[in-house]
C-alpha atoms as a PDB file:
ATOM      1  CA  MET A   1       0.000   0.000   0.000  1.00  0.00           C
ATOM      2  CA  LEU A   2       2.637   2.519   1.140  1.00  0.00           C
ATOM      3  CA  LYS A   3       6.414   2.200   0.987  1.00  0.00           C
ATOM      4  CA  ALA A   4       8.722   5.054   1.983  1.00  0.00           C
ATOM      5  CA  SER A   5      12.470   4.638   1.715  1.00  0.00           C
ATOM      6  CA  GLY A   6      15.464   6.879   2.276  1.00  0.00           C
ATOM      7  CA  LEU A   7      13.394   9.907   3.310  1.00  0.00           C
ATOM      8  CA  THR A   8      15.713  12.861   3.885  1.00  0.00           C
ATOM      9  CA  THR A   9      14.101  16.150   4.872  1.00  0.00           C
ATOM     10  CA  TYR A  10      15.446  19.519   5.985  1.00  0.00           C
ATOM     11  CA  TYR A  11      13.958  22.624   7.564  1.00  0.00           C
ATOM     12  CA  GLY A  12      16.231  25.283   6.177  1.00  0.00           C
ATOM     13  CA  GLN A  13      19.759  24.108   6.944  1.00  0.00           C
ATOM     14  CA  SER A  14      18.654  21.720   9.702  1.00  0.00           C
ATOM     15  CA  GLN A  15      18.293  18.068   8.709  1.00  0.00           C
ATOM     16  CA  VAL A  16      15.332  16.348  10.399  1.00  0.00           C
ATOM     17  CA  LEU A  17      14.972  12.996   8.623  1.00  0.00           C
ATOM     18  CA  PHE A  18      17.987  10.784   8.018  1.00  0.00           C
ATOM     19  CA  GLY A  19      16.873   8.063   5.613  1.00  0.00           C
ATOM     20  CA  MET A  20      13.486   7.208   7.151  1.00  0.00           C
ATOM     21  CA  GLU A  21      12.005   3.888   6.063  1.00  0.00           C
ATOM     22  CA  LEU A  22       8.513   2.486   6.618  1.00  0.00           C
ATOM     23  CA  GLU A  23       5.872   0.341   4.970  1.00  0.00           C
ATOM     24  CA  VAL A  24       2.129  -0.113   5.457  1.00  0.00           C
ATOM     25  CA  GLY A  25       0.506  -3.124   3.834  1.00  0.00           C
ATOM     26  CA  ALA A  26      -3.096  -3.440   2.709  1.00  0.00           C
ATOM     27  CA  GLY A  27      -5.335  -3.852   5.751  1.00  0.00           C
ATOM     28  CA  GLU A  28      -2.486  -3.259   8.196  1.00  0.00           C
ATOM     29  CA  VAL A  29      -2.424  -0.949  11.197  1.00  0.00           C
ATOM     30  CA  VAL A  30       1.098   0.396  11.643  1.00  0.00           C
ATOM     31  CA  THR A  31       2.382   2.884  14.220  1.00  0.00           C
ATOM     32  CA  LEU A  32       5.125   5.482  14.267  1.00  0.00           C
ATOM     33  CA  MET A  33       6.353   6.074  17.808  1.00  0.00           C
ATOM     34  CA  GLY A  34       9.056   8.056  19.567  1.00  0.00           C
ATOM     35  CA  ARG A  35       9.634  11.057  21.775  1.00  0.00           C
ATOM     36  CA  ASN A  36       8.555  14.562  20.805  1.00  0.00           C
ATOM     37  CA  GLY A  37      10.766  16.222  18.217  1.00  0.00           C
ATOM     38  CA  MET A  38      12.131  12.994  16.736  1.00  0.00           C
ATOM     39  CA  GLY A  39      10.598  13.485  13.267  1.00  0.00           C
ATOM     40  CA  LYS A  40       7.249  11.675  13.364  1.00  0.00           C
ATOM     41  CA  THR A  41       5.143  14.551  12.030  1.00  0.00           C
ATOM     42  CA  THR A  42       7.881  15.479   9.557  1.00  0.00           C
ATOM     43  CA  THR A  43       7.753  11.912   8.232  1.00  0.00           C
ATOM     44  CA  VAL A  44       4.000  12.205   7.683  1.00  0.00           C
ATOM     45  CA  HIS A  45       4.355  15.642   6.091  1.00  0.00           C
ATOM     46  CA  SER A  46       7.100  14.335   3.797  1.00  0.00           C
ATOM     47  CA  ILE A  47       4.893  11.440   2.678  1.00  0.00           C
ATOM     48  CA  MET A  48       1.928  13.776   2.117  1.00  0.00           C
ATOM     49  CA  GLY A  49       3.912  16.354   0.144  1.00  0.00           C
ATOM     50  CA  ILE A  50       3.371  19.047   2.787  1.00  0.00           C
ATOM     51  CA  THR A  51       7.116  19.239   3.481  1.00  0.00           C
ATOM     52  CA  ARG A  52       9.504  18.930   0.548  1.00  0.00           C
ATOM     53  CA  LEU A  53      11.737  15.875   0.434  1.00  0.00           C
ATOM     54  CA  ARG A  54      15.416  16.459  -0.252  1.00  0.00           C
ATOM     55  CA  ARG A  55      15.934  12.793  -1.104  1.00  0.00           C
ATOM     56  CA  GLY A  56      13.964   9.564  -0.911  1.00  0.00           C
ATOM     57  CA  GLU A  57      11.166   7.628  -2.550  1.00  0.00           C
ATOM     58  CA  VAL A  58       7.508   7.234  -1.638  1.00  0.00           C
ATOM     59  CA  LEU A  59       5.416   4.596  -3.395  1.00  0.00           C
ATOM     60  CA  PHE A  60       1.646   4.454  -2.933  1.00  0.00           C
ATOM     61  CA  ASP A  61      -0.212   1.594  -4.581  1.00  0.00           C
ATOM     62  CA  GLY A  62       3.020   0.940  -6.450  1.00  0.00           C
ATOM     63  CA  LYS A  63       3.183   4.438  -7.953  1.00  0.00           C
ATOM     64  CA  PRO A  64       5.786   7.085  -7.054  1.00  0.00           C
ATOM     65  CA  ILE A  65       4.250  10.125  -5.339  1.00  0.00           C
ATOM     66  CA  ALA A  66       7.326  11.949  -4.002  1.00  0.00           C
ATOM     67  CA  GLY A  67       7.297  15.521  -5.303  1.00  0.00           C
ATOM     68  CA  THR A  68       3.564  15.376  -6.079  1.00  0.00           C
ATOM     69  CA  PRO A  69       1.439  18.280  -4.736  1.00  0.00           C
ATOM     70  CA  ALA A  70      -0.251  17.488  -1.436  1.00  0.00           C
ATOM     71  CA  PHE A  71      -3.778  17.778  -2.850  1.00  0.00           C
ATOM     72  CA  ARG A  72      -2.945  15.227  -5.547  1.00  0.00           C
ATOM     73  CA  ILE A  73      -1.634  12.810  -2.920  1.00  0.00           C
ATOM     74  CA  ALA A  74      -4.877  13.222  -0.992  1.00  0.00           C
ATOM     75  CA  GLN A  75      -6.856  12.602  -4.167  1.00  0.00           C
ATOM     76  CA  ALA A  76      -4.797   9.449  -4.780  1.00  0.00           C
ATOM     77  CA  GLY A  77      -6.319   7.971  -1.633  1.00  0.00           C
ATOM     78  CA  ILE A  78      -4.423   9.059   1.498  1.00  0.00           C
ATOM     79  CA  GLY A  79      -6.610  10.627   4.189  1.00  0.00           C
ATOM     80  CA  LEU A  80      -4.827  12.671   6.875  1.00  0.00           C
ATOM     81  CA  VAL A  81      -6.062  13.467  10.371  1.00  0.00           C
ATOM     82  CA  PRO A  82      -3.518  16.186  11.175  1.00  0.00           C
ATOM     83  CA  GLU A  83      -2.013  17.066  14.505  1.00  0.00           C
ATOM     84  CA  GLY A  84      -4.127  19.770  16.099  1.00  0.00           C
ATOM     85  CA  ARG A  85      -7.290  18.589  14.210  1.00  0.00           C
ATOM     86  CA  GLN A  86      -7.429  21.660  11.912  1.00  0.00           C
ATOM     87  CA  ILE A  87     -11.132  21.384  11.229  1.00  0.00           C
ATOM     88  CA  PHE A  88     -12.801  24.341   9.488  1.00  0.00           C
ATOM     89  CA  PRO A  89     -13.890  26.599  12.390  1.00  0.00           C
ATOM     90  CA  ASN A  90     -16.395  28.640  10.363  1.00  0.00           C
ATOM     91  CA  LEU A  91     -18.246  25.595   8.977  1.00  0.00           C
ATOM     92  CA  THR A  92     -20.763  23.437  10.806  1.00  0.00           C
ATOM     93  CA  THR A  93     -20.070  19.821  11.652  1.00  0.00           C
ATOM     94  CA  ARG A  94     -22.141  18.690   8.677  1.00  0.00           C
ATOM     95  CA  GLU A  95     -20.476  21.190   6.326  1.00  0.00           C
ATOM     96  CA  ASN A  96     -17.008  20.006   7.416  1.00  0.00           C
ATOM     97  CA  LEU A  97     -17.993  16.476   6.428  1.00  0.00           C
ATOM     98  CA  VAL A  98     -19.662  17.448   3.148  1.00  0.00           C
ATOM     99  CA  ALA A  99     -16.662  19.568   2.135  1.00  0.00           C
ATOM    100  CA  ALA A 100     -14.423  16.486   2.169  1.00  0.00           C
ATOM    101  CA  SER A 101     -16.849  14.039   0.602  1.00  0.00           C
ATOM    102  CA  ALA A 102     -15.474  12.004  -2.300  1.00  0.00           C
ATOM    103  CA  ASN A 103     -15.384   8.417  -3.540  1.00  0.00           C
ATOM    104  CA  ARG A 104     -12.723   8.527  -6.229  1.00  0.00           C
ATOM    105  CA  SER A 105     -11.875   4.832  -5.902  1.00  0.00           C
ATOM    106  CA  GLY A 106     -15.507   3.812  -6.368  1.00  0.00           C
ATOM    107  CA  GLN A 107     -15.925   1.893  -3.113  1.00  0.00           C
ATOM    108  CA  ALA A 108     -19.072  -0.209  -3.003  1.00  0.00           C
ATOM    109  CA  ASN A 109     -19.919   0.893   0.545  1.00  0.00           C
ATOM    110  CA  PRO A 110     -18.500   4.419   0.743  1.00  0.00           C
ATOM    111  CA  TRP A 111     -18.320   6.566   3.845  1.00  0.00           C
ATOM    112  CA  THR A 112     -21.308   8.868   4.145  1.00  0.00           C
ATOM    113  CA  ILE A 113     -22.440  11.376   6.753  1.00  0.00           C
ATOM    114  CA  GLU A 114     -24.785   8.749   8.165  1.00  0.00           C
ATOM    115  CA  ARG A 115     -21.935   6.221   8.566  1.00  0.00           C
ATOM    116  CA  VAL A 116     -19.773   8.842  10.276  1.00  0.00           C
ATOM    117  CA  TYR A 117     -22.619   9.700  12.658  1.00  0.00           C
ATOM    118  CA  GLU A 118     -23.032   5.993  13.391  1.00  0.00           C
ATOM    119  CA  MET A 119     -19.327   5.781  14.230  1.00  0.00           C
ATOM    120  CA  PHE A 120     -19.395   8.997  16.295  1.00  0.00           C
ATOM    121  CA  PRO A 121     -22.934   9.624  17.667  1.00  0.00           C
ATOM    122  CA  PRO A 122     -21.974  12.919  19.407  1.00  0.00           C
ATOM    123  CA  LEU A 123     -21.405  14.491  15.972  1.00  0.00           C
ATOM    124  CA  LYS A 124     -25.022  13.861  15.012  1.00  0.00           C
ATOM    125  CA  ASP A 125     -26.145  15.897  18.012  1.00  0.00           C
ATOM    126  CA  ARG A 126     -23.796  18.726  17.015  1.00  0.00           C
ATOM    127  CA  GLU A 127     -24.262  18.644  13.245  1.00  0.00           C
ATOM    128  CA  ARG A 128     -25.410  22.288  13.092  1.00  0.00           C
ATOM    129  CA  SER A 129     -22.750  23.584  15.487  1.00  0.00           C
ATOM    130  CA  MET A 130     -19.831  25.584  14.104  1.00  0.00           C
ATOM    131  CA  GLY A 131     -16.495  23.814  14.227  1.00  0.00           C
ATOM    132  CA  ASN A 132     -14.977  26.266  16.691  1.00  0.00           C
ATOM    133  CA  LEU A 133     -17.794  25.594  19.195  1.00  0.00           C
ATOM    134  CA  LEU A 134     -17.092  21.863  19.442  1.00  0.00           C
ATOM    135  CA  SER A 135     -15.150  20.380  22.332  1.00  0.00           C
ATOM    136  CA  GLY A 136     -11.650  19.040  21.726  1.00  0.00           C
ATOM    137  CA  GLY A 137     -12.960  15.497  21.639  1.00  0.00           C
ATOM    138  CA  GLU A 138     -15.734  16.383  19.217  1.00  0.00           C
ATOM    139  CA  GLN A 139     -13.248  18.182  16.985  1.00  0.00           C
ATOM    140  CA  GLN A 140     -11.040  15.081  16.898  1.00  0.00           C
ATOM    141  CA  MET A 141     -14.027  12.908  16.014  1.00  0.00           C
ATOM    142  CA  LEU A 142     -14.869  15.382  13.270  1.00  0.00           C
ATOM    143  CA  ALA A 143     -11.294  15.362  11.966  1.00  0.00           C
ATOM    144  CA  VAL A 144     -11.399  11.566  11.731  1.00  0.00           C
ATOM    145  CA  GLY A 145     -14.848  11.655  10.139  1.00  0.00           C
ATOM    146  CA  ARG A 146     -13.742  14.270   7.630  1.00  0.00           C
ATOM    147  CA  ALA A 147     -10.796  12.077   6.576  1.00  0.00           C
ATOM    148  CA  LEU A 148     -13.060   9.034   6.275  1.00  0.00           C
ATOM    149  CA  MET A 149     -15.420  11.022   4.027  1.00  0.00           C
ATOM    150  CA  THR A 150     -12.656  11.076   1.417  1.00  0.00           C
ATOM    151  CA  ASN A 151     -12.937   7.246   1.392  1.00  0.00           C
ATOM    152  CA  PRO A 152      -9.181   6.806   1.732  1.00  0.00           C
ATOM    153  CA  LYS A 153      -7.236   3.690   0.882  1.00  0.00           C
ATOM    154  CA  LEU A 154      -4.822   4.688   3.660  1.00  0.00           C
ATOM    155  CA  LEU A 155      -5.770   6.667   6.763  1.00  0.00           C
ATOM    156  CA  ILE A 156      -3.004   8.549   8.617  1.00  0.00           C
ATOM    157  CA  LEU A 157      -3.602   9.907  12.120  1.00  0.00           C
ATOM    158  CA  ASP A 158      -0.999  12.272  13.592  1.00  0.00           C
ATOM    159  CA  GLU A 159      -1.245  12.343  17.415  1.00  0.00           C
ATOM    160  CA  ALA A 160      -4.533  10.477  17.383  1.00  0.00           C
ATOM    161  CA  THR A 161      -5.529  11.086  21.012  1.00  0.00           C
ATOM    162  CA  GLU A 162      -3.304  13.947  22.186  1.00  0.00           C
ATOM    163  CA  GLY A 163      -4.968  16.155  24.797  1.00  0.00           C
ATOM    164  CA  LEU A 164      -8.213  14.163  24.896  1.00  0.00           C
ATOM    165  CA  ALA A 165     -10.149  12.997  27.942  1.00  0.00           C
ATOM    166  CA  PRO A 166      -9.849   9.259  28.756  1.00  0.00           C
ATOM    167  CA  LEU A 167     -13.385   8.422  27.585  1.00  0.00           C
ATOM    168  CA  VAL A 168     -12.863  10.220  24.272  1.00  0.00           C
ATOM    169  CA  ARG A 169      -9.523   8.503  23.787  1.00  0.00           C
ATOM    170  CA  GLU A 170     -11.283   5.173  24.226  1.00  0.00           C
ATOM    171  CA  ASP A 171     -13.835   6.225  21.575  1.00  0.00           C
ATOM    172  CA  ILE A 172     -10.985   6.902  19.130  1.00  0.00           C
ATOM    173  CA  TRP A 173      -9.328   3.538  19.861  1.00  0.00           C
ATOM    174  CA  ASN A 174     -12.656   1.765  19.394  1.00  0.00           C
ATOM    175  CA  CYS A 175     -13.080   3.553  16.080  1.00  0.00           C
ATOM    176  CA  LEU A 176      -9.640   2.432  14.886  1.00  0.00           C
ATOM    177  CA  SER A 177     -10.362  -1.123  15.981  1.00  0.00           C
ATOM    178  CA  LYS A 178     -13.601  -1.146  13.964  1.00  0.00           C
ATOM    179  CA  LEU A 179     -11.811   0.315  10.944  1.00  0.00           C
ATOM    180  CA  LYS A 180      -9.164  -2.382  11.188  1.00  0.00           C
ATOM    181  CA  ASP A 181     -11.881  -5.044  11.250  1.00  0.00           C
ATOM    182  CA  GLU A 182     -13.225  -3.510   8.020  1.00  0.00           C
ATOM    183  CA  GLY A 183      -9.810  -3.834   6.373  1.00  0.00           C
ATOM    184  CA  GLN A 184      -8.820  -0.165   6.479  1.00  0.00           C
ATOM    185  CA  SER A 185      -5.078   0.471   6.165  1.00  0.00           C
ATOM    186  CA  ILE A 186      -3.951   2.839   8.929  1.00  0.00           C
ATOM    187  CA  LEU A 187      -0.740   4.614   9.942  1.00  0.00           C
ATOM    188  CA  VAL A 188      -1.056   6.131  13.414  1.00  0.00           C
ATOM    189  CA  ILE A 189       1.155   8.323  15.583  1.00  0.00           C
ATOM    190  CA  ASP A 190       0.433   8.315  19.296  1.00  0.00           C
ATOM    191  CA  LYS A 191       2.114   7.836  22.669  1.00  0.00           C
ATOM    192  CA  ASN A 192      -0.355   5.371  24.232  1.00  0.00           C
ATOM    193  CA  VAL A 193       1.677   2.187  23.907  1.00  0.00           C
ATOM    194  CA  ASP A 194      -0.889  -0.038  25.646  1.00  0.00           C
ATOM    195  CA  ALA A 195      -3.674   0.936  23.243  1.00  0.00           C
ATOM    196  CA  LEU A 196      -1.412   0.810  20.196  1.00  0.00           C
ATOM    197  CA  THR A 197      -0.137  -2.683  20.958  1.00  0.00           C
ATOM    198  CA  ARG A 198      -3.743  -3.878  21.283  1.00  0.00           C
ATOM    199  CA  ILE A 199      -4.688  -2.580  17.847  1.00  0.00           C
ATOM    200  CA  ALA A 200      -1.601  -2.366  15.647  1.00  0.00           C
ATOM    201  CA  ASP A 201       0.111  -5.107  13.684  1.00  0.00           C
ATOM    202  CA  ARG A 202       3.561  -3.530  13.484  1.00  0.00           C
ATOM    203  CA  HIS A 203       5.470  -0.600  14.963  1.00  0.00           C
ATOM    204  CA  TYR A 204       8.290   1.723  13.949  1.00  0.00           C
ATOM    205  CA  VAL A 205      10.176   3.487  16.725  1.00  0.00           C
ATOM    206  CA  ILE A 206      12.200   6.477  15.599  1.00  0.00           C
ATOM    207  CA  GLU A 207      14.960   8.512  17.197  1.00  0.00           C
ATOM    208  CA  LYS A 208      16.471  11.642  15.637  1.00  0.00           C
ATOM    209  CA  GLY A 209      14.857  11.122  12.264  1.00  0.00           C
ATOM    210  CA  LYS A 210      15.595   7.461  11.644  1.00  0.00           C
ATOM    211  CA  VAL A 211      14.153   4.066  12.558  1.00  0.00           C
ATOM    212  CA  VAL A 212      15.863   2.486  15.572  1.00  0.00           C
ATOM    213  CA  TRP A 213      13.494  -0.455  16.100  1.00  0.00           C
ATOM    214  CA  THR A 214      10.680  -2.166  14.249  1.00  0.00           C
ATOM    215  CA  GLY A 215       8.589  -5.194  15.102  1.00  0.00           C
ATOM    216  CA  SER A 216       5.202  -6.648  15.955  1.00  0.00           C
ATOM    217  CA  SER A 217       3.012  -5.864  18.968  1.00  0.00           C
ATOM    218  CA  PRO A 218       4.039  -9.043  20.859  1.00  0.00           C
ATOM    219  CA  GLU A 219       7.688  -8.205  20.195  1.00  0.00           C
ATOM    220  CA  LEU A 220       7.252  -4.664  21.505  1.00  0.00           C
ATOM    221  CA  ARG A 221       5.432  -5.805  24.645  1.00  0.00           C
ATOM    222  CA  ALA A 222       8.255  -8.277  25.274  1.00  0.00           C
ATOM    223  CA  ASN A 223      10.929  -5.597  24.914  1.00  0.00           C
ATOM    224  CA  PRO A 224      10.507  -2.978  27.665  1.00  0.00           C
ATOM    225  CA  LYS A 225      14.019  -1.691  26.975  1.00  0.00           C
ATOM    226  CA  VAL A 226      12.817  -0.230  23.670  1.00  0.00           C
ATOM    227  CA  MET A 227      10.050   1.688  25.437  1.00  0.00           C
ATOM    228  CA  HIS A 228      12.434   2.853  28.157  1.00  0.00           C
ATOM    229  CA  ASP A 229      15.237   3.917  25.828  1.00  0.00           C
ATOM    230  CA  TYR A 230      13.226   5.562  23.063  1.00  0.00           C
ATOM    231  CA  MET A 231       9.838   6.537  24.503  1.00  0.00           C
ATOM    232  CA  GLY A 232      10.496   7.253  28.163  1.00  0.00           C
ATOM    233  CA  VAL A 233      11.044  10.791  29.456  1.00  0.00           C
END
C-alpha cells in the first residue's frame, strides 16, 4: 500500500529525517512512535507532500508520489487526520464532512455522513454547530470523520488522542479497531503504547529522524528496553 524509503528532509539548513524507512501493507495498522521532536510529524508531512523531500522515494499503490502536490496525494487515496485537528472553524459539523466528501476509488460501501454519525454519535447531536464551538474530543471525532469522508485507501492519524479525555480517547481507539476489522489500512502516531499494541500489527520506533526499532506488537510488549530507551522521558 505505502512504501517510503530513504526519506531525507530539511527545515532550512537543519536536517530532520535521516533516511526514514517504513511500509504499510493493505489492511495493516502500523504505528510510528518516539519522543517529541524525533521526526514523526515530519515523516507524515514528507509522505503527504506538505514538506519537501530532499531525497527519498515514496510509493503508494506501487506508484511514485514523491514531489507530487499534497492535494494530488490526498486525491490518490491518502486521508490525513492532522495534529491539532485543523477542522474548518467557520463551517458546521455537517459542512465540514460534506466539504471532504469524495469516492474517487468507487468503493461499493462508501463513507457517508450517516456512517460517520453511526461511528461517532456525538457528531449527530452537534451537526449544526460551528467547528470552533465543538469540544476538543468532538473536533477530533470530526477530523477523523472528515478524513473518512474522502474514502481513503490509507488513513493517517498524527497524534490520534493527544490532549483528549480518557473516555474520548477510548472512543478513538474503538473507532480504529472497527476500521481495522473492516480492512482499512492505517498509519497512526500516538504515545499510548498499551492501546497501540492492542490494535496495531507492526510498529516503527524512531529517534532523531531514523528508525531504531521495528517489530510486531508481541515483540514490543516483550521488549521494555525499547520503550524505556526511546519513549520514556
